Each structure stands twice: as C-alpha cells, then as structure tokens.
C-alpha cells in the first residue's frame, strides 16, 4: 500500500511532535515507532528524510562515546526545537 505525500507529512509531524515532547530524552527509532504505532522501518525512512532537511539529528554514540552498532537515537535539531518552543508559548 502506498501513502500519499500528505499522509507522510502528517506522520513526520507526529514524529517531530513526539521528539519535542520527549526532550531532553533521545529515543531510539524503535521507541518512536512504538509510540506512533507505525512500522519501525517506515519510521526510520521518515527520520532519515527529516535528517536530510536538517530537522532532526541522529545520535550514534552513547554517553561513554561508544558507537551503537545497530541502533540510532534521535533528537530535534536546535533550530526546530527553538521554533517549537516559540509557538508553544
């Protein structure tokens, strides 16, 4: 089944909203997919599209500086976080 671009944009908005509300936590892709009730691979694709647009940032290392081998954490870019914060006030 194919989704229209409009529906993909709505799902991307849900992802951005979830990342904003979970700040300062940096959830893994699986956590985002579970929260939005979507397939993990589909959410991963959406996240990489958002990354290309500089809306989200991927985190590939843990706090000790060790690289995650199979997982990626995500957070909003600072620019997007500031925009969300100003609109919520």
N, C-alpha and C. Protein backbone atom coordinates (compact mmCIF):
# COMPACT_ATOMS: atom_id res chain seq x y z
N UNK A 1 0.84 -1.17 0.00
CA UNK A 1 0.00 0.00 0.00
C UNK A 1 0.89 1.24 0.00
N UNK A 2 0.54 2.20 -0.79
CA UNK A 2 1.30 3.44 -0.88
C UNK A 2 0.57 4.53 -0.11
N UNK A 3 1.36 5.37 0.52
CA UNK A 3 0.80 6.51 1.24
C UNK A 3 1.03 7.78 0.44
N UNK A 4 0.07 8.66 0.49
CA UNK A 4 0.23 9.94 -0.20
C UNK A 4 1.26 10.79 0.53
N UNK A 5 1.79 11.75 -0.16
CA UNK A 5 2.78 12.63 0.46
C UNK A 5 2.17 13.40 1.62
N UNK A 6 0.89 13.73 1.50
CA UNK A 6 0.21 14.44 2.58
C UNK A 6 0.18 13.60 3.86
N UNK A 7 -0.08 12.30 3.73
CA UNK A 7 -0.10 11.42 4.91
C UNK A 7 1.30 11.24 5.47
N UNK A 8 2.31 11.15 4.61
CA UNK A 8 3.69 11.05 5.09
C UNK A 8 4.08 12.31 5.85
N UNK A 9 3.63 13.45 5.37
CA UNK A 9 3.93 14.71 6.06
C UNK A 9 3.27 14.75 7.44
N UNK A 10 2.05 14.24 7.54
CA UNK A 10 1.36 14.19 8.83
C UNK A 10 2.10 13.28 9.81
N UNK A 11 2.59 12.14 9.32
CA UNK A 11 3.34 11.22 10.17
C UNK A 11 4.65 11.87 10.60
N UNK A 12 5.30 12.59 9.68
CA UNK A 12 6.54 13.30 10.02
C UNK A 12 6.26 14.34 11.11
N UNK A 13 5.12 15.01 11.03
CA UNK A 13 4.74 15.97 12.07
C UNK A 13 4.56 15.28 13.41
N UNK A 14 3.98 14.08 13.40
CA UNK A 14 3.81 13.32 14.63
C UNK A 14 5.18 12.96 15.23
N UNK A 15 6.12 12.58 14.37
CA UNK A 15 7.46 12.24 14.83
C UNK A 15 8.12 13.46 15.47
N UNK A 16 8.04 14.60 14.80
CA UNK A 16 8.63 15.82 15.34
C UNK A 16 7.99 16.22 16.66
N UNK A 17 6.68 16.08 16.75
CA UNK A 17 5.97 16.40 17.98
C UNK A 17 6.41 15.47 19.12
N UNK A 18 6.53 14.18 18.82
CA UNK A 18 6.98 13.24 19.84
C UNK A 18 8.39 13.58 20.32
N UNK A 19 9.28 13.91 19.40
CA UNK A 19 10.65 14.26 19.78
C UNK A 19 10.66 15.53 20.63
N UNK A 20 9.80 16.48 20.30
CA UNK A 20 9.72 17.71 21.09
C UNK A 20 9.26 17.40 22.52
N UNK A 21 8.22 16.60 22.64
CA UNK A 21 7.66 16.30 23.96
C UNK A 21 8.54 15.38 24.78
N UNK A 22 9.42 14.64 24.14
CA UNK A 22 10.30 13.74 24.89
C UNK A 22 11.64 14.41 25.21
N UNK A 23 11.83 15.67 24.80
CA UNK A 23 13.07 16.39 25.09
C UNK A 23 13.27 16.50 26.58
N UNK A 24 14.42 16.31 27.17
CA UNK A 24 15.75 16.12 26.60
C UNK A 24 16.10 14.67 26.32
N UNK A 25 15.16 13.74 26.53
CA UNK A 25 15.42 12.35 26.20
C UNK A 25 15.68 12.22 24.70
N UNK A 26 16.44 11.22 24.33
CA UNK A 26 16.76 10.96 22.93
C UNK A 26 16.34 9.53 22.62
N UNK A 27 15.10 9.35 22.15
CA UNK A 27 14.59 7.99 21.96
C UNK A 27 15.21 7.28 20.76
N UNK A 28 15.25 5.95 20.87
CA UNK A 28 15.68 5.12 19.75
C UNK A 28 14.57 5.07 18.71
N UNK A 29 14.90 4.67 17.51
CA UNK A 29 13.93 4.54 16.43
C UNK A 29 12.76 3.65 16.85
N UNK A 30 13.06 2.53 17.51
CA UNK A 30 12.01 1.59 17.92
C UNK A 30 11.02 2.24 18.89
N UNK A 31 11.51 3.08 19.79
CA UNK A 31 10.63 3.75 20.74
C UNK A 31 9.69 4.72 20.02
N UNK A 32 10.23 5.44 19.04
CA UNK A 32 9.40 6.38 18.26
C UNK A 32 8.33 5.61 17.50
N UNK A 33 8.73 4.52 16.85
CA UNK A 33 7.79 3.72 16.07
C UNK A 33 6.69 3.15 16.97
N UNK A 34 7.06 2.70 18.15
CA UNK A 34 6.08 2.14 19.09
C UNK A 34 5.09 3.21 19.53
N UNK A 35 5.58 4.39 19.81
CA UNK A 35 4.73 5.48 20.29
C UNK A 35 3.74 5.94 19.21
N UNK A 36 4.20 5.97 17.98
CA UNK A 36 3.36 6.46 16.88
C UNK A 36 2.55 5.32 16.25
N UNK A 37 2.83 4.09 16.67
CA UNK A 37 2.14 2.90 16.17
C UNK A 37 2.34 2.72 14.67
N UNK A 38 3.59 2.78 14.27
CA UNK A 38 3.96 2.57 12.87
C UNK A 38 5.10 1.57 12.79
N UNK A 39 5.33 1.05 11.61
CA UNK A 39 6.41 0.11 11.36
C UNK A 39 7.75 0.79 11.58
N UNK A 40 8.68 0.07 12.20
CA UNK A 40 9.98 0.64 12.54
C UNK A 40 10.77 1.06 11.29
N UNK A 41 10.75 0.25 10.26
CA UNK A 41 11.49 0.60 9.04
C UNK A 41 10.90 1.84 8.36
N UNK A 42 9.58 1.97 8.40
CA UNK A 42 8.93 3.14 7.82
C UNK A 42 9.32 4.40 8.58
N UNK A 43 9.31 4.33 9.91
CA UNK A 43 9.69 5.47 10.73
C UNK A 43 11.16 5.82 10.51
N UNK A 44 11.99 4.81 10.35
CA UNK A 44 13.42 5.04 10.08
C UNK A 44 13.59 5.82 8.77
N UNK A 45 12.82 5.44 7.77
CA UNK A 45 12.87 6.13 6.48
C UNK A 45 12.43 7.60 6.64
N UNK A 46 11.35 7.82 7.38
CA UNK A 46 10.87 9.18 7.64
C UNK A 46 11.93 9.99 8.38
N UNK A 47 12.56 9.38 9.39
CA UNK A 47 13.58 10.07 10.17
C UNK A 47 14.78 10.47 9.30
N UNK A 48 15.19 9.60 8.39
CA UNK A 48 16.30 9.95 7.52
C UNK A 48 15.92 11.07 6.54
N UNK A 49 14.66 11.09 6.11
CA UNK A 49 14.19 12.21 5.27
C UNK A 49 14.22 13.51 6.06
N UNK A 50 13.80 13.45 7.33
CA UNK A 50 13.83 14.64 8.18
C UNK A 50 15.27 15.08 8.45
N UNK A 51 16.17 14.12 8.55
CA UNK A 51 17.58 14.44 8.77
C UNK A 51 18.16 15.18 7.56
N UNK A 52 17.79 14.76 6.36
CA UNK A 52 18.24 15.44 5.14
C UNK A 52 17.78 16.89 5.11
N UNK A 53 16.62 17.16 5.71
CA UNK A 53 16.08 18.52 5.76
C UNK A 53 16.59 19.30 6.97
N UNK A 54 17.51 18.69 7.74
CA UNK A 54 18.09 19.30 8.94
C UNK A 54 17.05 19.59 10.02
N UNK A 55 16.05 18.73 10.13
CA UNK A 55 15.03 18.89 11.15
C UNK A 55 15.31 18.04 12.38
N UNK A 56 15.99 16.92 12.19
CA UNK A 56 16.37 16.05 13.31
C UNK A 56 17.86 15.73 13.21
N UNK A 57 18.40 15.26 14.34
CA UNK A 57 19.81 14.90 14.41
C UNK A 57 19.90 13.46 14.89
N UNK A 58 20.71 12.66 14.21
CA UNK A 58 20.90 11.28 14.66
C UNK A 58 22.07 11.22 15.63
N UNK A 59 21.93 10.36 16.62
CA UNK A 59 22.98 10.18 17.62
C UNK A 59 23.41 8.73 17.56
N UNK A 60 24.67 8.53 17.22
CA UNK A 60 25.17 7.17 17.01
C UNK A 60 26.13 6.71 18.10
N UNK A 61 26.33 7.53 19.13
CA UNK A 61 27.23 7.15 20.23
C UNK A 61 26.51 7.30 21.55
N UNK A 62 26.87 6.44 22.50
CA UNK A 62 26.29 6.57 23.84
C UNK A 62 27.07 7.60 24.64
N UNK A 63 26.70 7.78 25.90
CA UNK A 63 27.33 8.81 26.72
C UNK A 63 28.81 8.55 26.96
N UNK A 64 29.23 7.31 26.85
CA UNK A 64 30.64 6.96 27.04
C UNK A 64 31.46 7.13 25.76
N UNK A 65 30.81 7.47 24.67
CA UNK A 65 31.49 7.66 23.40
C UNK A 65 31.59 6.40 22.55
N UNK A 66 30.94 5.32 23.01
CA UNK A 66 30.95 4.07 22.25
C UNK A 66 29.87 4.12 21.18
N UNK A 67 30.21 3.64 19.99
CA UNK A 67 29.28 3.68 18.85
C UNK A 67 28.22 2.60 19.01
N UNK A 68 26.95 2.99 18.78
CA UNK A 68 25.87 2.00 18.73
C UNK A 68 26.08 1.17 17.47
N UNK A 69 26.00 -0.14 17.58
CA UNK A 69 26.25 -0.97 16.42
C UNK A 69 25.03 -1.09 15.51
N UNK A 70 23.83 -1.15 16.10
CA UNK A 70 22.66 -1.38 15.26
C UNK A 70 21.51 -0.43 15.55
N UNK A 71 21.71 0.52 16.42
CA UNK A 71 20.61 1.39 16.83
C UNK A 71 21.01 2.85 16.64
N UNK A 72 20.00 3.70 16.53
CA UNK A 72 20.23 5.14 16.40
C UNK A 72 19.25 5.85 17.32
N UNK A 73 19.75 6.83 18.04
CA UNK A 73 18.89 7.71 18.84
C UNK A 73 18.64 8.97 18.03
N UNK A 74 17.56 9.66 18.35
CA UNK A 74 17.18 10.85 17.59
C UNK A 74 16.81 11.98 18.52
N UNK A 75 17.05 13.21 18.04
CA UNK A 75 16.58 14.40 18.74
C UNK A 75 16.30 15.48 17.69
N UNK A 76 15.54 16.49 18.10
CA UNK A 76 15.28 17.62 17.20
C UNK A 76 16.54 18.44 17.02
N UNK A 77 16.70 19.04 15.87
CA UNK A 77 17.80 19.99 15.70
C UNK A 77 17.48 21.22 16.55
N UNK A 78 18.49 21.97 16.91
CA UNK A 78 18.29 23.12 17.79
C UNK A 78 17.35 24.14 17.15
N UNK A 79 17.48 24.34 15.84
CA UNK A 79 16.64 25.30 15.12
C UNK A 79 15.16 24.92 15.24
N UNK A 80 14.85 23.64 15.05
CA UNK A 80 13.47 23.18 15.12
C UNK A 80 12.95 23.26 16.55
N UNK A 81 13.78 22.90 17.51
CA UNK A 81 13.36 22.98 18.91
C UNK A 81 13.00 24.41 19.28
N UNK A 82 13.81 25.38 18.84
CA UNK A 82 13.53 26.78 19.13
C UNK A 82 12.20 27.23 18.51
N UNK A 83 11.92 26.77 17.29
CA UNK A 83 10.67 27.13 16.62
C UNK A 83 9.49 26.55 17.39
N UNK A 84 9.58 25.26 17.76
CA UNK A 84 8.51 24.63 18.53
C UNK A 84 8.30 25.36 19.85
N UNK A 85 9.38 25.71 20.53
CA UNK A 85 9.28 26.38 21.82
C UNK A 85 8.60 27.73 21.71
N UNK A 86 8.92 28.48 20.66
CA UNK A 86 8.32 29.80 20.50
C UNK A 86 6.83 29.71 20.18
N UNK A 87 6.40 28.65 19.48
CA UNK A 87 5.00 28.50 19.14
C UNK A 87 4.17 28.01 20.33
N UNK A 88 4.80 27.30 21.25
CA UNK A 88 4.08 26.77 22.41
C UNK A 88 3.84 27.84 23.46
N UNK A 89 4.55 28.95 23.41
CA UNK A 89 4.41 29.99 24.43
C UNK A 89 3.18 30.82 24.24
